[in-house]
Amino acid sequence: MAAKANSQQMSIVQKDWENREFVEVKLLLSETHAVRVLKLLIIPTFLQVVQINVLKIANFLNQFDMTVRGKLSELNEKMNKLERAIEYCEAATKSSLEKQIADR
């Protein structure tokens, strides 16, 4: 009895697969299915590629912006140090020159 039940189940599964193959072949041959496939697969894929590339560009620009801001900040700090050093040198030179003039 179990063998007969298995045999019936196998035949049902086999018929189901045969029907699916027939339906798939029929759908593949129809022009509207080809259009549907293009709409469902190719167009979203293209849009997804464009979307991913836009996100990559935005990510690159954000990273570039952060990197440039960091480097500019470092340069600003170095310039401030140099400006203070120059001001100190100018003040020291000026006071030294004033002393020399006063000592004459």
C-alpha atoms as a PDB file:
ATOM      1  CA  MET A   1       0.000   0.000   0.000  1.00  0.00           C
ATOM      2  CA  ALA A   2       2.864   2.384   0.812  1.00  0.00           C
ATOM      3  CA  ALA A   3       4.437   1.597  -2.553  1.00  0.00           C
ATOM      4  CA  LYS A   4       1.177   2.450  -4.323  1.00  0.00           C
ATOM      5  CA  ALA A   5       0.912   5.769  -2.424  1.00  0.00           C
ATOM      6  CA  ASN A   6       4.524   6.578  -3.345  1.00  0.00           C
ATOM      7  CA  SER A   7       3.810   5.715  -6.958  1.00  0.00           C
ATOM      8  CA  GLN A   8       0.778   8.018  -7.018  1.00  0.00           C
ATOM      9  CA  GLN A   9       2.735  10.836  -5.427  1.00  0.00           C
ATOM     10  CA  MET A  10       5.565  10.366  -7.932  1.00  0.00           C
ATOM     11  CA  SER A  11       3.141  10.489 -10.852  1.00  0.00           C
ATOM     12  CA  ILE A  12       1.525  13.657  -9.469  1.00  0.00           C
ATOM     13  CA  VAL A  13       4.924  15.305  -9.061  1.00  0.00           C
ATOM     14  CA  GLN A  14       5.975  14.168 -12.549  1.00  0.00           C
ATOM     15  CA  LYS A  15       2.796  15.606 -14.124  1.00  0.00           C
ATOM     16  CA  ASP A  16       3.305  18.843 -12.204  1.00  0.00           C
ATOM     17  CA  TRP A  17       6.854  19.177 -13.554  1.00  0.00           C
ATOM     18  CA  GLU A  18       5.702  18.409 -17.079  1.00  0.00           C
ATOM     19  CA  ASN A  19       3.004  21.073 -16.804  1.00  0.00           C
ATOM     20  CA  ARG A  20       5.527  23.586 -15.475  1.00  0.00           C
ATOM     21  CA  GLU A  21       7.910  22.887 -18.349  1.00  0.00           C
ATOM     22  CA  PHE A  22       5.067  23.372 -20.841  1.00  0.00           C
ATOM     23  CA  VAL A  23       3.991  26.616 -19.206  1.00  0.00           C
ATOM     24  CA  GLU A  24       7.605  27.871 -19.120  1.00  0.00           C
ATOM     25  CA  VAL A  25       8.146  27.075 -22.790  1.00  0.00           C
ATOM     26  CA  LYS A  26       4.836  28.697 -23.738  1.00  0.00           C
ATOM     27  CA  LEU A  27       5.688  31.819 -21.716  1.00  0.00           C
ATOM     28  CA  LEU A  28       9.183  32.045 -23.151  1.00  0.00           C
ATOM     29  CA  LEU A  29       7.797  31.952 -26.669  1.00  0.00           C
ATOM     30  CA  SER A  30       5.268  34.698 -26.117  1.00  0.00           C
ATOM     31  CA  GLU A  31       6.375  38.218 -26.990  1.00  0.00           C
ATOM     32  CA  THR A  32       4.626  39.784 -24.020  1.00  0.00           C
ATOM     33  CA  HIS A  33       6.606  37.563 -21.696  1.00  0.00           C
ATOM     34  CA  ALA A  34       9.834  38.758 -23.285  1.00  0.00           C
ATOM     35  CA  VAL A  35       8.763  42.337 -22.698  1.00  0.00           C
ATOM     36  CA  ARG A  36       7.860  41.481 -19.107  1.00  0.00           C
ATOM     37  CA  VAL A  37      11.239  39.864 -18.604  1.00  0.00           C
ATOM     38  CA  LEU A  38      12.948  42.979 -19.942  1.00  0.00           C
ATOM     39  CA  LYS A  39      10.900  45.194 -17.686  1.00  0.00           C
ATOM     40  CA  LEU A  40      11.397  43.019 -14.624  1.00  0.00           C
ATOM     41  CA  LEU A  41      15.040  42.105 -15.075  1.00  0.00           C
ATOM     42  CA  ILE A  42      16.915  44.499 -17.318  1.00  0.00           C
ATOM     43  CA  ILE A  43      15.366  47.859 -16.487  1.00  0.00           C
ATOM     44  CA  PRO A  44      15.512  47.471 -12.687  1.00  0.00           C
ATOM     45  CA  THR A  45      19.022  46.111 -13.046  1.00  0.00           C
ATOM     46  CA  PHE A  46      20.050  49.171 -15.069  1.00  0.00           C
ATOM     47  CA  LEU A  47      18.369  51.480 -12.571  1.00  0.00           C
ATOM     48  CA  GLN A  48      20.021  49.619  -9.718  1.00  0.00           C
ATOM     49  CA  VAL A  49      23.408  49.971 -11.400  1.00  0.00           C
ATOM     50  CA  VAL A  50      22.836  53.697 -11.865  1.00  0.00           C
ATOM     51  CA  GLN A  51      21.663  54.015  -8.272  1.00  0.00           C
ATOM     52  CA  ILE A  52      24.672  52.094  -6.956  1.00  0.00           C
ATOM     53  CA  ASN A  53      27.043  54.216  -9.039  1.00  0.00           C
ATOM     54  CA  VAL A  54      25.442  57.430  -7.783  1.00  0.00           C
ATOM     55  CA  LEU A  55      25.836  56.157  -4.217  1.00  0.00           C
ATOM     56  CA  LYS A  56      29.494  55.295  -4.910  1.00  0.00           C
ATOM     57  CA  ILE A  57      30.096  58.797  -6.275  1.00  0.00           C
ATOM     58  CA  ALA A  58      28.380  60.375  -3.264  1.00  0.00           C
ATOM     59  CA  ASN A  59      30.433  58.187  -0.918  1.00  0.00           C
ATOM     60  CA  PHE A  60      33.646  59.139  -2.720  1.00  0.00           C
ATOM     61  CA  LEU A  61      32.777  62.836  -2.566  1.00  0.00           C
ATOM     62  CA  ASN A  62      31.973  62.609   1.152  1.00  0.00           C
ATOM     63  CA  GLN A  63      35.256  60.831   1.870  1.00  0.00           C
ATOM     64  CA  PHE A  64      37.141  63.317  -0.306  1.00  0.00           C
ATOM     65  CA  ASP A  65      35.468  66.206   1.524  1.00  0.00           C
ATOM     66  CA  MET A  66      36.402  64.786   4.938  1.00  0.00           C
ATOM     67  CA  THR A  67      39.987  64.107   3.832  1.00  0.00           C
ATOM     68  CA  VAL A  68      40.435  67.576   2.338  1.00  0.00           C
ATOM     69  CA  ARG A  69      38.920  69.237   5.406  1.00  0.00           C
ATOM     70  CA  GLY A  70      41.302  67.293   7.643  1.00  0.00           C
ATOM     71  CA  LYS A  71      44.339  68.213   5.550  1.00  0.00           C
ATOM     72  CA  LEU A  72      43.273  71.856   5.352  1.00  0.00           C
ATOM     73  CA  SER A  73      42.821  71.903   9.114  1.00  0.00           C
ATOM     74  CA  GLU A  74      46.364  70.526   9.584  1.00  0.00           C
ATOM     75  CA  LEU A  75      47.746  73.140   7.177  1.00  0.00           C
ATOM     76  CA  ASN A  76      45.856  75.874   9.012  1.00  0.00           C
ATOM     77  CA  GLU A  77      47.397  74.783  12.321  1.00  0.00           C
ATOM     78  CA  LYS A  78      50.884  74.747  10.792  1.00  0.00           C
ATOM     79  CA  MET A  79      50.349  78.199   9.268  1.00  0.00           C
ATOM     80  CA  ASN A  80      49.151  79.557  12.616  1.00  0.00           C
ATOM     81  CA  LYS A  81      52.305  78.203  14.295  1.00  0.00           C
ATOM     82  CA  LEU A  82      54.473  79.749  11.588  1.00  0.00           C
ATOM     83  CA  GLU A  83      52.673  83.090  11.883  1.00  0.00           C
ATOM     84  CA  ARG A  84      53.232  83.111  15.658  1.00  0.00           C
ATOM     85  CA  ALA A  85      56.887  82.215  15.170  1.00  0.00           C
ATOM     86  CA  ILE A  86      57.313  85.017  12.617  1.00  0.00           C
ATOM     87  CA  GLU A  87      55.571  87.500  14.919  1.00  0.00           C
ATOM     88  CA  TYR A  88      57.864  86.423  17.770  1.00  0.00           C
ATOM     89  CA  CYS A  89      60.937  86.818  15.546  1.00  0.00           C
ATOM     90  CA  GLU A  90      59.772  90.245  14.391  1.00  0.00           C
ATOM     91  CA  ALA A  91      59.137  91.351  17.964  1.00  0.00           C
ATOM     92  CA  ALA A  92      62.508  90.037  19.136  1.00  0.00           C
ATOM     93  CA  THR A  93      64.295  91.682  16.207  1.00  0.00           C
ATOM     94  CA  LYS A  94      62.477  94.963  16.767  1.00  0.00           C
ATOM     95  CA  SER A  95      63.276  95.034  20.466  1.00  0.00           C
ATOM     96  CA  SER A  96      66.887  94.101  19.741  1.00  0.00           C
ATOM     97  CA  LEU A  97      67.194  96.907  17.209  1.00  0.00           C
ATOM     98  CA  GLU A  98      65.576  99.388  19.613  1.00  0.00           C
ATOM     99  CA  LYS A  99      68.109  98.416  22.316  1.00  0.00           C
ATOM    100  CA  GLN A 100      70.987  98.892  19.921  1.00  0.00           C
ATOM    101  CA  ILE A 101      69.683 102.327  18.903  1.00  0.00           C
ATOM    102  CA  ALA A 102      69.141 103.297  22.536  1.00  0.00           C
ATOM    103  CA  ASP A 103      72.663 102.162  23.513  1.00  0.00           C
ATOM    104  CA  ARG A 104      74.334 104.435  20.949  1.00  0.00           C
END
